[in-house]
Amino acid sequence: MYTDFQKVFDKVHYVKLLHKLSHLGFSERLLHLLTSDLHERTHNLGPYFFLLFVLDLAQCLRYSHALLYANDLKLYNEIKTISDVELLQADLDALQYWSEENLLSLNVVKCIKMTFTLRATPTEASYVLHGTPLQEVTPVWDLGVQLDRKLIYRTTFRV
């Protein structure tokens, strides 16, 4: 699953950020400095504060592996049975709950499903996020590299 958070660097809720930084062990003095800078507004935080903000995201995912780059999160797992499909959907549901609790919207239009397999007949599955079925896309562009269903990349790069 390829997911996308909307405008993450602009929309991180500063009170939630400060609470998370406190739990990470940031000093009172540093939290006070950040509070005066972020008070009563959303703020363009940049990638470092965003990464600190989403550190607890992995804890809500019980069955899948996750890769995070900037505001893009990939969830993946080996799918052999319908039970595996249900577990991946459970993690998508957990991601949806986490995003709602942390006031970070998922851009569902940019969230897609991509199946990578060498099997002749892969286990087919549908996944839903915020009540919207995820579109299957093939090939997919991933960090500038085009990948097809069999994980064969093209030498064409996109910046």
N, C-alpha and C. Protein backbone atom coordinates (compact mmCIF):
# COMPACT_ATOMS: atom_id res chain seq x y z
N MET A 1 0.83 -1.17 0.00
CA MET A 1 0.00 0.00 0.00
C MET A 1 0.88 1.24 0.00
N TYR A 2 0.60 2.14 -0.86
CA TYR A 2 1.27 3.43 -0.89
C TYR A 2 0.29 4.46 -0.33
N THR A 3 0.67 5.12 0.74
CA THR A 3 -0.22 6.12 1.33
C THR A 3 0.46 7.48 1.30
N ASP A 4 -0.35 8.52 1.48
CA ASP A 4 0.16 9.88 1.39
C ASP A 4 -0.57 10.74 2.41
N PHE A 5 0.18 11.41 3.28
CA PHE A 5 -0.41 12.36 4.21
C PHE A 5 -0.49 13.72 3.53
N GLN A 6 -1.62 14.42 3.73
CA GLN A 6 -1.82 15.73 3.12
C GLN A 6 -1.05 16.81 3.86
N LYS A 7 -0.28 17.58 3.15
CA LYS A 7 0.36 18.80 3.66
C LYS A 7 0.92 18.64 5.08
N VAL A 8 1.68 17.59 5.29
CA VAL A 8 2.13 17.27 6.65
C VAL A 8 3.00 18.33 7.28
N PHE A 9 3.81 18.99 6.52
CA PHE A 9 4.72 19.96 7.11
C PHE A 9 3.98 21.24 7.51
N ASP A 10 2.78 21.43 6.97
CA ASP A 10 1.98 22.61 7.30
C ASP A 10 0.93 22.32 8.37
N LYS A 11 0.55 21.07 8.55
CA LYS A 11 -0.64 20.75 9.32
C LYS A 11 -0.41 20.03 10.65
N VAL A 12 0.81 19.82 11.06
CA VAL A 12 1.05 19.12 12.33
C VAL A 12 0.53 19.97 13.48
N HIS A 13 -0.29 19.39 14.32
CA HIS A 13 -0.89 20.09 15.46
C HIS A 13 0.19 20.28 16.53
N TYR A 14 0.47 21.53 16.85
CA TYR A 14 1.63 21.82 17.70
C TYR A 14 1.48 21.29 19.12
N VAL A 15 0.25 21.26 19.68
CA VAL A 15 0.07 20.74 21.04
C VAL A 15 0.41 19.25 21.06
N LYS A 16 -0.06 18.53 20.06
CA LYS A 16 0.25 17.09 19.98
C LYS A 16 1.76 16.89 19.79
N LEU A 17 2.38 17.74 18.97
CA LEU A 17 3.82 17.64 18.75
C LEU A 17 4.56 17.85 20.08
N LEU A 18 4.22 18.88 20.82
CA LEU A 18 4.90 19.15 22.09
C LEU A 18 4.69 18.02 23.08
N HIS A 19 3.51 17.45 23.11
CA HIS A 19 3.24 16.31 23.99
C HIS A 19 4.13 15.12 23.61
N LYS A 20 4.25 14.86 22.33
CA LYS A 20 5.09 13.75 21.87
C LYS A 20 6.56 14.02 22.17
N LEU A 21 7.00 15.25 21.96
CA LEU A 21 8.39 15.59 22.26
C LEU A 21 8.69 15.44 23.75
N SER A 22 7.73 15.78 24.59
CA SER A 22 7.89 15.61 26.03
C SER A 22 8.08 14.13 26.37
N HIS A 23 7.26 13.27 25.76
CA HIS A 23 7.39 11.82 25.98
C HIS A 23 8.70 11.26 25.45
N LEU A 24 9.28 11.93 24.47
CA LEU A 24 10.57 11.50 23.93
C LEU A 24 11.74 11.96 24.79
N GLY A 25 11.45 12.81 25.80
CA GLY A 25 12.50 13.24 26.71
C GLY A 25 13.09 14.60 26.43
N PHE A 26 12.44 15.39 25.57
CA PHE A 26 12.92 16.76 25.33
C PHE A 26 12.82 17.55 26.63
N SER A 27 13.79 18.40 26.89
CA SER A 27 13.85 19.16 28.13
C SER A 27 12.73 20.20 28.20
N GLU A 28 12.37 20.58 29.42
CA GLU A 28 11.36 21.61 29.64
C GLU A 28 11.74 22.92 28.94
N ARG A 29 13.02 23.26 29.01
CA ARG A 29 13.49 24.50 28.40
C ARG A 29 13.29 24.49 26.89
N LEU A 30 13.66 23.38 26.26
CA LEU A 30 13.48 23.29 24.82
C LEU A 30 12.00 23.30 24.45
N LEU A 31 11.18 22.61 25.23
CA LEU A 31 9.73 22.61 24.97
C LEU A 31 9.16 24.02 25.11
N HIS A 32 9.65 24.78 26.08
CA HIS A 32 9.19 26.16 26.27
C HIS A 32 9.57 27.02 25.05
N LEU A 33 10.78 26.84 24.54
CA LEU A 33 11.20 27.59 23.34
C LEU A 33 10.32 27.24 22.14
N LEU A 34 10.04 25.96 22.00
CA LEU A 34 9.19 25.53 20.89
C LEU A 34 7.76 26.03 21.07
N THR A 35 7.28 26.06 22.31
CA THR A 35 5.92 26.52 22.59
C THR A 35 5.76 27.98 22.17
N SER A 36 6.74 28.80 22.50
CA SER A 36 6.63 30.21 22.14
C SER A 36 6.66 30.39 20.62
N ASP A 37 7.35 29.53 19.92
CA ASP A 37 7.43 29.63 18.46
C ASP A 37 6.17 29.09 17.78
N LEU A 38 5.54 28.09 18.38
CA LEU A 38 4.43 27.41 17.72
C LEU A 38 3.06 27.80 18.27
N HIS A 39 3.01 28.62 19.27
CA HIS A 39 1.76 28.91 19.99
C HIS A 39 0.62 29.32 19.06
N GLU A 40 -0.49 28.62 19.22
CA GLU A 40 -1.77 28.90 18.56
C GLU A 40 -1.71 28.98 17.04
N ARG A 41 -0.90 28.17 16.43
CA ARG A 41 -0.90 28.13 14.97
C ARG A 41 -0.25 26.84 14.52
N THR A 42 -0.61 26.44 13.30
CA THR A 42 0.14 25.35 12.69
C THR A 42 1.41 25.97 12.13
N HIS A 43 2.40 25.17 11.90
CA HIS A 43 3.71 25.71 11.56
C HIS A 43 4.39 24.79 10.56
N ASN A 44 5.13 25.37 9.65
CA ASN A 44 5.92 24.58 8.72
C ASN A 44 7.11 24.01 9.50
N LEU A 45 7.02 22.73 9.85
CA LEU A 45 7.97 22.12 10.77
C LEU A 45 9.21 21.56 10.10
N GLY A 46 9.10 21.19 8.87
CA GLY A 46 10.22 20.55 8.22
C GLY A 46 10.25 19.07 8.55
N PRO A 47 11.11 18.35 7.88
CA PRO A 47 11.10 16.89 7.98
C PRO A 47 11.50 16.33 9.35
N TYR A 48 12.38 17.00 10.08
CA TYR A 48 12.84 16.42 11.34
C TYR A 48 11.73 16.36 12.38
N PHE A 49 11.01 17.45 12.55
CA PHE A 49 9.92 17.44 13.52
C PHE A 49 8.80 16.51 13.06
N PHE A 50 8.58 16.44 11.75
CA PHE A 50 7.57 15.52 11.27
C PHE A 50 7.95 14.08 11.60
N LEU A 51 9.21 13.73 11.39
CA LEU A 51 9.65 12.37 11.71
C LEU A 51 9.48 12.07 13.20
N LEU A 52 9.77 13.04 14.05
CA LEU A 52 9.54 12.85 15.49
C LEU A 52 8.05 12.71 15.79
N PHE A 53 7.24 13.46 15.07
CA PHE A 53 5.79 13.41 15.28
C PHE A 53 5.23 12.03 14.94
N VAL A 54 5.76 11.37 13.92
CA VAL A 54 5.19 10.10 13.47
C VAL A 54 5.92 8.88 14.03
N LEU A 55 6.84 9.09 14.97
CA LEU A 55 7.57 7.95 15.54
C LEU A 55 6.65 6.88 16.12
N ASP A 56 5.55 7.29 16.71
CA ASP A 56 4.64 6.33 17.34
C ASP A 56 3.72 5.63 16.34
N LEU A 57 3.76 6.02 15.10
CA LEU A 57 2.92 5.40 14.08
C LEU A 57 3.19 3.90 13.96
N ALA A 58 4.44 3.53 14.00
CA ALA A 58 4.80 2.11 13.84
C ALA A 58 4.20 1.24 14.95
N GLN A 59 3.96 1.82 16.12
CA GLN A 59 3.39 1.05 17.23
C GLN A 59 1.96 0.63 16.97
N CYS A 60 1.24 1.35 16.13
CA CYS A 60 -0.15 0.99 15.86
C CYS A 60 -0.27 -0.07 14.76
N LEU A 61 0.79 -0.32 14.04
CA LEU A 61 0.77 -1.31 12.97
C LEU A 61 1.23 -2.65 13.53
N ARG A 62 0.33 -3.60 13.58
CA ARG A 62 0.64 -4.87 14.24
C ARG A 62 1.07 -5.97 13.28
N TYR A 63 0.65 -5.89 12.03
CA TYR A 63 0.84 -7.04 11.14
C TYR A 63 1.69 -6.73 9.90
N SER A 64 1.91 -5.48 9.62
CA SER A 64 2.58 -5.08 8.38
C SER A 64 3.92 -4.44 8.67
N HIS A 65 4.73 -4.40 7.64
CA HIS A 65 5.98 -3.65 7.68
C HIS A 65 5.69 -2.26 7.13
N ALA A 66 6.47 -1.28 7.56
CA ALA A 66 6.23 0.09 7.11
C ALA A 66 7.54 0.73 6.69
N LEU A 67 7.46 1.54 5.65
CA LEU A 67 8.57 2.37 5.19
C LEU A 67 8.04 3.78 5.07
N LEU A 68 8.73 4.73 5.69
CA LEU A 68 8.30 6.12 5.67
C LEU A 68 9.38 6.97 5.03
N TYR A 69 8.96 7.77 4.05
CA TYR A 69 9.87 8.73 3.44
C TYR A 69 9.07 10.01 3.27
N ALA A 70 9.50 11.06 3.95
CA ALA A 70 8.78 12.34 3.95
C ALA A 70 7.34 12.08 4.35
N ASN A 71 6.37 12.44 3.51
CA ASN A 71 4.97 12.24 3.87
C ASN A 71 4.37 10.99 3.23
N ASP A 72 5.20 10.15 2.65
CA ASP A 72 4.74 8.92 2.02
C ASP A 72 5.04 7.73 2.91
N LEU A 73 4.02 6.94 3.16
CA LEU A 73 4.15 5.73 3.98
C LEU A 73 3.76 4.54 3.12
N LYS A 74 4.62 3.53 3.13
CA LYS A 74 4.30 2.29 2.43
C LYS A 74 4.08 1.21 3.49
N LEU A 75 2.97 0.50 3.37
CA LEU A 75 2.70 -0.67 4.20
C LEU A 75 2.82 -1.88 3.29
N TYR A 76 3.48 -2.91 3.78
CA TYR A 76 3.61 -4.10 2.95
C TYR A 76 3.69 -5.35 3.81
N ASN A 77 3.31 -6.44 3.20
CA ASN A 77 3.36 -7.74 3.84
C ASN A 77 3.19 -8.80 2.76
N GLU A 78 3.65 -9.99 3.04
CA GLU A 78 3.43 -11.09 2.12
C GLU A 78 1.99 -11.54 2.24
N ILE A 79 1.32 -11.63 1.11
CA ILE A 79 -0.09 -12.03 1.08
C ILE A 79 -0.19 -13.40 0.43
N LYS A 80 -0.49 -14.41 1.26
CA LYS A 80 -0.66 -15.77 0.75
C LYS A 80 -2.10 -16.24 0.85
N THR A 81 -2.82 -15.72 1.84
CA THR A 81 -4.19 -16.18 2.10
C THR A 81 -5.10 -14.98 2.34
N ILE A 82 -6.38 -15.25 2.38
CA ILE A 82 -7.36 -14.20 2.69
C ILE A 82 -7.12 -13.66 4.10
N SER A 83 -6.65 -14.49 5.00
CA SER A 83 -6.32 -14.03 6.35
C SER A 83 -5.24 -12.94 6.31
N ASP A 84 -4.25 -13.10 5.44
CA ASP A 84 -3.21 -12.08 5.28
C ASP A 84 -3.81 -10.77 4.76
N VAL A 85 -4.78 -10.88 3.86
CA VAL A 85 -5.48 -9.70 3.34
C VAL A 85 -6.18 -8.97 4.49
N GLU A 86 -6.87 -9.73 5.34
CA GLU A 86 -7.59 -9.14 6.47
C GLU A 86 -6.63 -8.45 7.45
N LEU A 87 -5.46 -9.03 7.66
CA LEU A 87 -4.48 -8.42 8.57
C LEU A 87 -3.93 -7.11 8.01
N LEU A 88 -3.69 -7.07 6.70
CA LEU A 88 -3.23 -5.82 6.09
C LEU A 88 -4.33 -4.76 6.16
N GLN A 89 -5.58 -5.17 5.94
CA GLN A 89 -6.69 -4.22 6.08
C GLN A 89 -6.80 -3.73 7.52
N ALA A 90 -6.55 -4.60 8.49
CA ALA A 90 -6.58 -4.19 9.90
C ALA A 90 -5.54 -3.10 10.16
N ASP A 91 -4.36 -3.23 9.55
CA ASP A 91 -3.35 -2.20 9.72
C ASP A 91 -3.72 -0.91 8.98
N LEU A 92 -4.40 -1.02 7.85
CA LEU A 92 -4.90 0.19 7.19
C LEU A 92 -5.93 0.89 8.07
N ASP A 93 -6.78 0.11 8.73
CA ASP A 93 -7.75 0.68 9.67
C ASP A 93 -7.04 1.35 10.84
N ALA A 94 -5.98 0.72 11.34
CA ALA A 94 -5.20 1.30 12.44
C ALA A 94 -4.52 2.59 11.99
N LEU A 95 -4.01 2.61 10.77
CA LEU A 95 -3.42 3.83 10.22
C LEU A 95 -4.46 4.94 10.13
N GLN A 96 -5.65 4.61 9.67
CA GLN A 96 -6.73 5.59 9.58
C GLN A 96 -7.05 6.15 10.96
N TYR A 97 -7.16 5.29 11.96
CA TYR A 97 -7.44 5.73 13.32
C TYR A 97 -6.31 6.63 13.84
N TRP A 98 -5.05 6.21 13.63
CA TRP A 98 -3.90 7.01 14.08
C TRP A 98 -3.92 8.39 13.43
N SER A 99 -4.19 8.44 12.14
CA SER A 99 -4.19 9.73 11.44
C SER A 99 -5.29 10.64 11.96
N GLU A 100 -6.45 10.08 12.27
CA GLU A 100 -7.54 10.89 12.83
C GLU A 100 -7.18 11.39 14.23
N GLU A 101 -6.61 10.52 15.06
CA GLU A 101 -6.21 10.91 16.42
C GLU A 101 -5.13 11.99 16.42
N ASN A 102 -4.28 11.97 15.41
CA ASN A 102 -3.16 12.91 15.34
C ASN A 102 -3.43 14.09 14.40
N LEU A 103 -4.67 14.19 13.95
CA LEU A 103 -5.12 15.30 13.12
C LEU A 103 -4.27 15.48 11.86
N LEU A 104 -3.85 14.35 11.29
CA LEU A 104 -3.14 14.34 10.00
C LEU A 104 -4.02 13.62 8.98
N SER A 105 -4.43 14.33 7.97
CA SER A 105 -5.32 13.75 6.97
C SER A 105 -4.54 12.93 5.96
N LEU A 106 -5.12 11.81 5.60
CA LEU A 106 -4.57 11.02 4.50
C LEU A 106 -5.19 11.50 3.20
N ASN A 107 -4.37 11.66 2.19
CA ASN A 107 -4.84 12.05 0.88
C ASN A 107 -5.25 10.76 0.16
N VAL A 108 -6.51 10.35 0.35
CA VAL A 108 -6.98 9.04 -0.12
C VAL A 108 -6.85 8.91 -1.63
N VAL A 109 -6.98 10.02 -2.35
CA VAL A 109 -6.84 9.97 -3.80
C VAL A 109 -5.45 9.50 -4.21
N LYS A 110 -4.44 9.82 -3.41
CA LYS A 110 -3.06 9.41 -3.72
C LYS A 110 -2.68 8.08 -3.07
N CYS A 111 -3.56 7.50 -2.29
CA CYS A 111 -3.29 6.20 -1.66
C CYS A 111 -3.64 5.10 -2.66
N ILE A 112 -2.71 4.21 -2.91
CA ILE A 112 -2.91 3.19 -3.94
C ILE A 112 -2.46 1.82 -3.45
N LYS A 113 -2.89 0.82 -4.18
CA LYS A 113 -2.48 -0.56 -3.93
C LYS A 113 -1.58 -0.98 -5.09
N MET A 114 -0.50 -1.66 -4.75
CA MET A 114 0.37 -2.23 -5.77
C MET A 114 0.78 -3.61 -5.31
N THR A 115 0.54 -4.61 -6.14
CA THR A 115 0.90 -5.98 -5.81
C THR A 115 2.20 -6.33 -6.52
N PHE A 116 3.19 -6.73 -5.73
CA PHE A 116 4.46 -7.19 -6.28
C PHE A 116 4.49 -8.71 -6.11
N THR A 117 4.64 -9.44 -7.20
CA THR A 117 4.64 -10.89 -7.11
C THR A 117 5.25 -11.52 -8.36
N LEU A 118 5.78 -12.73 -8.16
CA LEU A 118 6.23 -13.54 -9.28
C LEU A 118 5.26 -14.69 -9.55
N ARG A 119 4.22 -14.80 -8.72
CA ARG A 119 3.24 -15.87 -8.88
C ARG A 119 2.41 -15.66 -10.13
N ALA A 120 2.03 -16.77 -10.75
CA ALA A 120 1.16 -16.71 -11.93
C ALA A 120 -0.24 -16.26 -11.54
N THR A 121 -0.72 -16.70 -10.37
CA THR A 121 -2.04 -16.32 -9.88
C THR A 121 -1.92 -15.81 -8.44
N PRO A 122 -1.67 -14.54 -8.28
CA PRO A 122 -1.54 -13.98 -6.92
C PRO A 122 -2.88 -13.92 -6.20
N THR A 123 -2.83 -13.87 -4.90
CA THR A 123 -4.04 -13.70 -4.09
C THR A 123 -4.57 -12.29 -4.35
N GLU A 124 -5.76 -12.21 -4.92
CA GLU A 124 -6.35 -10.91 -5.23
C GLU A 124 -7.07 -10.39 -4.00
N ALA A 125 -7.01 -9.08 -3.83
CA ALA A 125 -7.62 -8.47 -2.66
C ALA A 125 -8.00 -7.04 -2.95
N SER A 126 -9.01 -6.58 -2.23
CA SER A 126 -9.41 -5.17 -2.26
C SER A 126 -9.17 -4.60 -0.88
N TYR A 127 -8.75 -3.35 -0.84
CA TYR A 127 -8.50 -2.67 0.42
C TYR A 127 -9.23 -1.33 0.41
N VAL A 128 -9.60 -0.87 1.62
CA VAL A 128 -10.39 0.34 1.76
C VAL A 128 -9.73 1.25 2.78
N LEU A 129 -9.76 2.54 2.51
CA LEU A 129 -9.27 3.55 3.44
C LEU A 129 -10.28 4.68 3.46
N HIS A 130 -10.76 5.03 4.63
CA HIS A 130 -11.80 6.06 4.79
C HIS A 130 -13.00 5.76 3.91
N GLY A 131 -13.37 4.49 3.81
CA GLY A 131 -14.53 4.09 3.03
C GLY A 131 -14.32 4.10 1.52
N THR A 132 -13.13 4.41 1.08
CA THR A 132 -12.82 4.48 -0.35
C THR A 132 -11.94 3.30 -0.76
N PRO A 133 -12.38 2.52 -1.75
CA PRO A 133 -11.53 1.43 -2.23
C PRO A 133 -10.23 2.00 -2.82
N LEU A 134 -9.12 1.36 -2.49
CA LEU A 134 -7.84 1.80 -3.03
C LEU A 134 -7.67 1.28 -4.45
N GLN A 135 -7.27 2.16 -5.33
CA GLN A 135 -7.06 1.82 -6.72
C GLN A 135 -5.76 1.03 -6.87
N GLU A 136 -5.81 -0.01 -7.70
CA GLU A 136 -4.57 -0.75 -8.01
C GLU A 136 -3.88 -0.06 -9.17
N VAL A 137 -2.58 0.15 -9.02
CA VAL A 137 -1.80 0.84 -10.03
C VAL A 137 -0.61 -0.03 -10.40
N THR A 138 -0.36 -0.14 -11.68
CA THR A 138 0.83 -0.81 -12.16
C THR A 138 1.20 -0.23 -13.51
N PRO A 139 2.40 0.13 -13.75
CA PRO A 139 3.51 0.17 -12.81
C PRO A 139 3.33 1.35 -11.85
N VAL A 140 4.24 1.43 -10.89
CA VAL A 140 4.21 2.51 -9.91
C VAL A 140 5.56 3.21 -9.91
N TRP A 141 5.51 4.52 -9.69
CA TRP A 141 6.75 5.29 -9.52
C TRP A 141 7.05 5.33 -8.03
N ASP A 142 8.24 4.91 -7.65
CA ASP A 142 8.63 4.89 -6.25
C ASP A 142 9.99 5.56 -6.11
N LEU A 143 9.99 6.75 -5.53
CA LEU A 143 11.22 7.55 -5.35
C LEU A 143 11.98 7.70 -6.66
N GLY A 144 11.23 7.97 -7.73
CA GLY A 144 11.85 8.23 -9.02
C GLY A 144 12.14 7.02 -9.87
N VAL A 145 11.82 5.83 -9.38
CA VAL A 145 12.07 4.59 -10.12
C VAL A 145 10.73 3.94 -10.43
N GLN A 146 10.56 3.51 -11.67
CA GLN A 146 9.33 2.85 -12.06
C GLN A 146 9.45 1.35 -11.81
N LEU A 147 8.50 0.80 -11.03
CA LEU A 147 8.49 -0.63 -10.70
C LEU A 147 7.24 -1.27 -11.27
N ASP A 148 7.39 -2.47 -11.83
CA ASP A 148 6.22 -3.19 -12.30
C ASP A 148 5.85 -4.29 -11.30
N ARG A 149 4.83 -5.04 -11.62
CA ARG A 149 4.27 -6.06 -10.72
C ARG A 149 5.32 -7.11 -10.30
N LYS A 150 6.28 -7.39 -11.17
CA LYS A 150 7.30 -8.40 -10.89
C LYS A 150 8.56 -7.80 -10.28
N LEU A 151 8.47 -6.54 -9.84
CA LEU A 151 9.58 -5.80 -9.24
C LEU A 151 10.75 -5.61 -10.20
N ILE A 152 10.41 -5.50 -11.46
CA ILE A 152 11.42 -5.18 -12.45
C ILE A 152 11.38 -3.67 -12.63
N TYR A 153 12.52 -3.04 -12.43
CA TYR A 153 12.54 -1.59 -12.56
C TYR A 153 13.00 -1.20 -13.95
N ARG A 154 12.54 -0.06 -14.36
CA ARG A 154 12.93 0.51 -15.64
C ARG A 154 14.10 1.46 -15.40
N THR A 155 14.93 1.60 -16.39
CA THR A 155 16.06 2.51 -16.24
C THR A 155 15.64 3.96 -16.39
N THR A 156 14.38 4.19 -16.67
CA THR A 156 13.85 5.55 -16.75
C THR A 156 13.67 6.07 -15.34
N PHE A 157 14.26 7.22 -15.06
CA PHE A 157 14.11 7.84 -13.75
C PHE A 157 13.30 9.11 -13.91
N ARG A 158 12.52 9.41 -12.89
CA ARG A 158 11.73 10.63 -12.88
C ARG A 158 12.10 11.41 -11.64
N VAL A 159 12.36 12.69 -11.82
CA VAL A 159 12.75 13.54 -10.70
C VAL A 159 11.56 14.30 -10.20
